[in-house]
């Protein structure tokens, strides 16, 4: 673990999840805890409505570059994109950007059973990663998009503003990550 108190709640082929001190796994799904997630493959996705699902504006196959993904995010009226710059983590290079729900624009919504889900969808997992993540109000997502062979690896820092962590303290953890070479 990077520092005392951090927890590794998921260490799978396609997904890796670290939760900082004073946060918990239940809060990750509930949107009340900060976390760092590393994902083998990611692509941009949007929320479908009325039933919750994912739409894939750049296709479902690996292929878009990190720069193409950033261009796509910049065209989305429901996302505020900032702090875009080149990045390298663990020997893989790409870009990093911060995403928030755009001020004054309602969150996208859908229904999952009897529950109304409100979120601006950002990424979904491919290539062994299985998830759909987005931004909500009072949250910042720092998203690293790193080229890894023919796919884009994603590393996500989720900073829930009411939770005790910060994007900057979690960034130092991300920048310390190392990846094993593939055979």
C-alpha atoms as a PDB file:
ATOM      1  CA  UNK A   1       0.000   0.000   0.000  1.00  0.00           C
ATOM      2  CA  UNK A   2       1.252   3.490  -0.773  1.00  0.00           C
ATOM      3  CA  UNK A   3       0.701   4.860   2.734  1.00  0.00           C
ATOM      4  CA  UNK A   4      -0.686   3.637   6.041  1.00  0.00           C
ATOM      5  CA  UNK A   5      -4.473   3.380   6.125  1.00  0.00           C
ATOM      6  CA  UNK A   6      -4.984   2.825   2.381  1.00  0.00           C
ATOM      7  CA  UNK A   7      -6.988  -0.264   1.371  1.00  0.00           C
ATOM      8  CA  UNK A   8      -6.807  -2.384  -1.772  1.00  0.00           C
ATOM      9  CA  UNK A   9     -10.388  -3.534  -2.345  1.00  0.00           C
ATOM     10  CA  UNK A  10     -10.035  -4.867  -5.889  1.00  0.00           C
ATOM     11  CA  UNK A  11      -7.053  -6.469  -7.579  1.00  0.00           C
ATOM     12  CA  UNK A  12      -8.342  -8.171 -10.712  1.00  0.00           C
ATOM     13  CA  UNK A  13      -7.095  -8.693 -14.254  1.00  0.00           C
ATOM     14  CA  UNK A  14      -8.773  -5.517 -15.517  1.00  0.00           C
ATOM     15  CA  UNK A  15      -9.566  -3.446 -12.406  1.00  0.00           C
ATOM     16  CA  UNK A  16      -7.539  -2.237  -9.417  1.00  0.00           C
ATOM     17  CA  UNK A  17      -9.088  -0.165  -6.615  1.00  0.00           C
ATOM     18  CA  UNK A  18      -7.362   1.787  -3.829  1.00  0.00           C
ATOM     19  CA  UNK A  19      -9.323   3.620  -1.145  1.00  0.00           C
ATOM     20  CA  UNK A  20      -7.604   6.228   1.051  1.00  0.00           C
ATOM     21  CA  UNK A  21      -7.787   6.442   4.850  1.00  0.00           C
ATOM     22  CA  UNK A  22     -11.110   7.594   6.352  1.00  0.00           C
ATOM     23  CA  UNK A  23     -13.003   6.339   3.263  1.00  0.00           C
ATOM     24  CA  UNK A  24     -14.617   2.932   2.692  1.00  0.00           C
ATOM     25  CA  UNK A  25     -15.745   0.548  -0.025  1.00  0.00           C
ATOM     26  CA  UNK A  26     -19.442   1.162   0.619  1.00  0.00           C
ATOM     27  CA  UNK A  27     -18.838   4.866  -0.032  1.00  0.00           C
ATOM     28  CA  UNK A  28     -17.217   4.160  -3.414  1.00  0.00           C
ATOM     29  CA  UNK A  29     -20.489   2.859  -4.851  1.00  0.00           C
ATOM     30  CA  UNK A  30     -22.602   5.339  -2.888  1.00  0.00           C
ATOM     31  CA  UNK A  31     -20.591   8.335  -4.145  1.00  0.00           C
ATOM     32  CA  UNK A  32     -19.397   9.393  -0.689  1.00  0.00           C
ATOM     33  CA  UNK A  33     -15.797   8.079  -0.718  1.00  0.00           C
ATOM     34  CA  UNK A  34     -12.700   9.084  -2.626  1.00  0.00           C
ATOM     35  CA  UNK A  35     -10.795   6.400  -4.540  1.00  0.00           C
ATOM     36  CA  UNK A  36      -8.195   5.572  -7.152  1.00  0.00           C
ATOM     37  CA  UNK A  37      -9.065   3.049  -9.846  1.00  0.00           C
ATOM     38  CA  UNK A  38      -6.714   1.656 -12.494  1.00  0.00           C
ATOM     39  CA  UNK A  39      -8.329  -0.027 -15.496  1.00  0.00           C
ATOM     40  CA  UNK A  40      -6.798  -2.156 -18.246  1.00  0.00           C
ATOM     41  CA  UNK A  41      -8.917  -0.595 -20.987  1.00  0.00           C
ATOM     42  CA  UNK A  42     -11.316   2.354 -21.178  1.00  0.00           C
ATOM     43  CA  UNK A  43     -13.413   4.166 -23.756  1.00  0.00           C
ATOM     44  CA  UNK A  44     -15.696   7.206 -23.543  1.00  0.00           C
ATOM     45  CA  UNK A  45     -19.340   6.404 -22.940  1.00  0.00           C
ATOM     46  CA  UNK A  46     -22.577   8.275 -22.370  1.00  0.00           C
ATOM     47  CA  UNK A  47     -25.627   7.377 -20.312  1.00  0.00           C
ATOM     48  CA  UNK A  48     -28.669   5.982 -22.093  1.00  0.00           C
ATOM     49  CA  UNK A  49     -32.171   6.860 -20.973  1.00  0.00           C
ATOM     50  CA  UNK A  50     -34.819   5.984 -19.860  1.00  0.00           C
ATOM     51  CA  UNK A  51     -33.114   2.708 -18.824  1.00  0.00           C
ATOM     52  CA  UNK A  52     -29.557   3.006 -17.547  1.00  0.00           C
ATOM     53  CA  UNK A  53     -26.992   1.733 -19.986  1.00  0.00           C
ATOM     54  CA  UNK A  54     -23.905   2.892 -21.851  1.00  0.00           C
ATOM     55  CA  UNK A  55     -23.641   4.311 -25.347  1.00  0.00           C
ATOM     56  CA  UNK A  56     -20.206   4.286 -27.016  1.00  0.00           C
ATOM     57  CA  UNK A  57     -19.711   7.459 -29.115  1.00  0.00           C
ATOM     58  CA  UNK A  58     -16.204   6.452 -30.311  1.00  0.00           C
ATOM     59  CA  UNK A  59     -17.085   2.777 -30.835  1.00  0.00           C
ATOM     60  CA  UNK A  60     -16.793  -0.305 -28.647  1.00  0.00           C
ATOM     61  CA  UNK A  61     -13.379  -1.463 -29.848  1.00  0.00           C
ATOM     62  CA  UNK A  62     -10.038  -0.280 -28.517  1.00  0.00           C
ATOM     63  CA  UNK A  63      -8.530   2.232 -30.873  1.00  0.00           C
ATOM     64  CA  UNK A  64      -9.114   5.876 -29.989  1.00  0.00           C
ATOM     65  CA  UNK A  65      -5.999   7.608 -28.720  1.00  0.00           C
ATOM     66  CA  UNK A  66      -5.872   9.526 -25.446  1.00  0.00           C
ATOM     67  CA  UNK A  67      -5.857  12.797 -27.433  1.00  0.00           C
ATOM     68  CA  UNK A  68      -8.985  11.746 -29.367  1.00  0.00           C
ATOM     69  CA  UNK A  69     -10.707  10.942 -26.097  1.00  0.00           C
ATOM     70  CA  UNK A  70      -9.832  14.378 -24.674  1.00  0.00           C
ATOM     71  CA  UNK A  71     -11.206  16.049 -27.829  1.00  0.00           C
ATOM     72  CA  UNK A  72     -14.435  14.113 -27.370  1.00  0.00           C
ATOM     73  CA  UNK A  73     -14.773  15.152 -23.696  1.00  0.00           C
ATOM     74  CA  UNK A  74     -14.250  18.801 -24.632  1.00  0.00           C
ATOM     75  CA  UNK A  75     -17.309  18.637 -26.942  1.00  0.00           C
ATOM     76  CA  UNK A  76     -19.659  17.461 -24.180  1.00  0.00           C
ATOM     77  CA  UNK A  77     -21.836  20.302 -22.844  1.00  0.00           C
ATOM     78  CA  UNK A  78     -22.434  18.470 -19.547  1.00  0.00           C
ATOM     79  CA  UNK A  79     -18.702  18.173 -18.706  1.00  0.00           C
ATOM     80  CA  UNK A  80     -16.281  20.862 -17.547  1.00  0.00           C
ATOM     81  CA  UNK A  81     -12.782  19.863 -18.737  1.00  0.00           C
ATOM     82  CA  UNK A  82      -9.658  21.470 -17.269  1.00  0.00           C
ATOM     83  CA  UNK A  83      -5.998  20.902 -16.377  1.00  0.00           C
ATOM     84  CA  UNK A  84      -5.235  18.927 -19.565  1.00  0.00           C
ATOM     85  CA  UNK A  85      -1.561  18.057 -19.990  1.00  0.00           C
ATOM     86  CA  UNK A  86       0.804  15.256 -20.936  1.00  0.00           C
ATOM     87  CA  UNK A  87       1.439  12.603 -18.307  1.00  0.00           C
ATOM     88  CA  UNK A  88       3.464   9.468 -17.660  1.00  0.00           C
ATOM     89  CA  UNK A  89       2.690   6.820 -15.075  1.00  0.00           C
ATOM     90  CA  UNK A  90       4.629   3.602 -14.618  1.00  0.00           C
ATOM     91  CA  UNK A  91       6.325   3.892 -18.001  1.00  0.00           C
ATOM     92  CA  UNK A  92       3.132   4.526 -19.963  1.00  0.00           C
ATOM     93  CA  UNK A  93       2.529   7.946 -21.467  1.00  0.00           C
ATOM     94  CA  UNK A  94      -0.591   9.852 -22.411  1.00  0.00           C
ATOM     95  CA  UNK A  95      -2.636  12.726 -21.023  1.00  0.00           C
ATOM     96  CA  UNK A  96      -4.327  13.672 -17.787  1.00  0.00           C
ATOM     97  CA  UNK A  97      -7.397  15.876 -17.400  1.00  0.00           C
ATOM     98  CA  UNK A  98      -9.808  16.965 -14.709  1.00  0.00           C
ATOM     99  CA  UNK A  99     -13.546  16.505 -15.247  1.00  0.00           C
ATOM    100  CA  UNK A 100     -16.484  17.931 -13.336  1.00  0.00           C
ATOM    101  CA  UNK A 101     -20.187  18.238 -13.956  1.00  0.00           C
ATOM    102  CA  UNK A 102     -20.664  21.454 -15.935  1.00  0.00           C
ATOM    103  CA  UNK A 103     -22.126  24.222 -13.761  1.00  0.00           C
ATOM    104  CA  UNK A 104     -25.744  25.054 -14.547  1.00  0.00           C
ATOM    105  CA  UNK A 105     -26.280  21.950 -16.709  1.00  0.00           C
ATOM    106  CA  UNK A 106     -28.523  19.254 -15.201  1.00  0.00           C
ATOM    107  CA  UNK A 107     -26.989  15.817 -14.729  1.00  0.00           C
ATOM    108  CA  UNK A 108     -28.042  13.137 -17.200  1.00  0.00           C
ATOM    109  CA  UNK A 109     -30.487  10.687 -15.682  1.00  0.00           C
ATOM    110  CA  UNK A 110     -32.021   7.269 -16.179  1.00  0.00           C
ATOM    111  CA  UNK A 111     -33.940   4.686 -14.136  1.00  0.00           C
ATOM    112  CA  UNK A 112     -32.435   1.513 -12.768  1.00  0.00           C
ATOM    113  CA  UNK A 113     -35.373  -0.376 -11.339  1.00  0.00           C
ATOM    114  CA  UNK A 114     -37.181   2.126  -9.158  1.00  0.00           C
ATOM    115  CA  UNK A 115     -34.089   4.252  -8.563  1.00  0.00           C
ATOM    116  CA  UNK A 116     -33.393   7.456 -10.482  1.00  0.00           C
ATOM    117  CA  UNK A 117     -29.686   7.602 -11.344  1.00  0.00           C
ATOM    118  CA  UNK A 118     -28.216  11.069 -11.991  1.00  0.00           C
ATOM    119  CA  UNK A 119     -24.673  11.180 -13.407  1.00  0.00           C
ATOM    120  CA  UNK A 120     -22.758  12.528 -16.385  1.00  0.00           C
ATOM    121  CA  UNK A 121     -21.260   9.323 -17.769  1.00  0.00           C
ATOM    122  CA  UNK A 122     -17.546   9.526 -18.685  1.00  0.00           C
ATOM    123  CA  UNK A 123     -15.899   6.126 -19.175  1.00  0.00           C
ATOM    124  CA  UNK A 124     -16.670   2.432 -19.409  1.00  0.00           C
ATOM    125  CA  UNK A 125     -14.335  -0.509 -19.191  1.00  0.00           C
ATOM    126  CA  UNK A 126     -13.203  -2.798 -22.023  1.00  0.00           C
ATOM    127  CA  UNK A 127     -10.411  -5.351 -22.474  1.00  0.00           C
ATOM    128  CA  UNK A 128     -11.063  -7.124 -19.163  1.00  0.00           C
ATOM    129  CA  UNK A 129     -12.339  -4.080 -17.266  1.00  0.00           C
ATOM    130  CA  UNK A 130     -16.014  -3.951 -16.404  1.00  0.00           C
ATOM    131  CA  UNK A 131     -17.493  -0.699 -15.079  1.00  0.00           C
ATOM    132  CA  UNK A 132     -19.323   2.501 -15.978  1.00  0.00           C
ATOM    133  CA  UNK A 133     -18.169   5.709 -14.232  1.00  0.00           C
ATOM    134  CA  UNK A 134     -19.131   9.335 -14.419  1.00  0.00           C
ATOM    135  CA  UNK A 135     -19.148  12.608 -12.555  1.00  0.00           C
ATOM    136  CA  UNK A 136     -21.762  14.011 -10.212  1.00  0.00           C
ATOM    137  CA  UNK A 137     -22.098  17.406  -8.590  1.00  0.00           C
ATOM    138  CA  UNK A 138     -19.477  18.280  -5.940  1.00  0.00           C
ATOM    139  CA  UNK A 139     -16.935  15.852  -7.360  1.00  0.00           C
ATOM    140  CA  UNK A 140     -13.744  16.057  -9.424  1.00  0.00           C
ATOM    141  CA  UNK A 141     -12.481  13.172 -11.539  1.00  0.00           C
ATOM    142  CA  UNK A 142      -8.823  13.320 -12.522  1.00  0.00           C
ATOM    143  CA  UNK A 143      -8.497  10.920 -15.439  1.00  0.00           C
ATOM    144  CA  UNK A 144      -5.200   9.603 -16.772  1.00  0.00           C
ATOM    145  CA  UNK A 145      -5.507   8.191 -20.296  1.00  0.00           C
ATOM    146  CA  UNK A 146      -2.348   6.208 -21.035  1.00  0.00           C
ATOM    147  CA  UNK A 147      -1.448   4.383 -24.224  1.00  0.00           C
ATOM    148  CA  UNK A 148      -0.954   0.666 -23.574  1.00  0.00           C
ATOM    149  CA  UNK A 149      -0.426  -1.260 -26.798  1.00  0.00           C
ATOM    150  CA  UNK A 150      -3.597  -0.814 -28.903  1.00  0.00           C
ATOM    151  CA  UNK A 151      -5.805   0.248 -26.011  1.00  0.00           C
ATOM    152  CA  UNK A 152      -6.048   3.150 -23.574  1.00  0.00           C
ATOM    153  CA  UNK A 153      -5.423   2.337 -19.925  1.00  0.00           C
ATOM    154  CA  UNK A 154      -7.365   4.533 -17.533  1.00  0.00           C
ATOM    155  CA  UNK A 155      -6.418   5.650 -14.052  1.00  0.00           C
ATOM    156  CA  UNK A 156      -9.186   7.511 -12.282  1.00  0.00           C
ATOM    157  CA  UNK A 157      -8.928   9.624  -9.173  1.00  0.00           C
ATOM    158  CA  UNK A 158     -12.356  10.376  -7.775  1.00  0.00           C
ATOM    159  CA  UNK A 159     -12.429  13.227  -5.284  1.00  0.00           C
ATOM    160  CA  UNK A 160     -15.798  13.621  -3.592  1.00  0.00           C
ATOM    161  CA  UNK A 161     -15.541  17.179  -2.268  1.00  0.00           C
ATOM    162  CA  UNK A 162     -17.173  16.295   1.088  1.00  0.00           C
ATOM    163  CA  UNK A 163     -14.807  13.330   1.652  1.00  0.00           C
ATOM    164  CA  UNK A 164     -11.494  13.870   3.484  1.00  0.00           C
ATOM    165  CA  UNK A 165      -9.039  13.369   0.571  1.00  0.00           C
ATOM    166  CA  UNK A 166      -7.982  15.692  -2.228  1.00  0.00           C
ATOM    167  CA  UNK A 167      -7.082  15.233  -5.867  1.00  0.00           C
ATOM    168  CA  UNK A 168      -3.554  16.467  -5.151  1.00  0.00           C
ATOM    169  CA  UNK A 169      -2.836  14.013  -2.331  1.00  0.00           C
ATOM    170  CA  UNK A 170      -4.160  11.108  -4.411  1.00  0.00           C
ATOM    171  CA  UNK A 171      -2.156  12.260  -7.455  1.00  0.00           C
ATOM    172  CA  UNK A 172       1.100  11.526  -5.628  1.00  0.00           C
ATOM    173  CA  UNK A 173      -0.115   7.949  -5.107  1.00  0.00           C
ATOM    174  CA  UNK A 174      -0.996   7.544  -8.805  1.00  0.00           C
ATOM    175  CA  UNK A 175       2.382   8.900  -9.884  1.00  0.00           C
ATOM    176  CA  UNK A 176       4.083   6.253  -7.718  1.00  0.00           C
ATOM    177  CA  UNK A 177       2.351   3.333  -9.493  1.00  0.00           C
ATOM    178  CA  UNK A 178       4.421   0.830 -11.481  1.00  0.00           C
ATOM    179  CA  UNK A 179       3.119  -1.771 -13.928  1.00  0.00           C
ATOM    180  CA  UNK A 180       4.480  -5.219 -14.715  1.00  0.00           C
ATOM    181  CA  UNK A 181       5.576  -5.841 -18.290  1.00  0.00           C
ATOM    182  CA  UNK A 182       3.226  -8.008 -20.350  1.00  0.00           C
ATOM    183  CA  UNK A 183       4.535 -11.216 -21.882  1.00  0.00           C
END
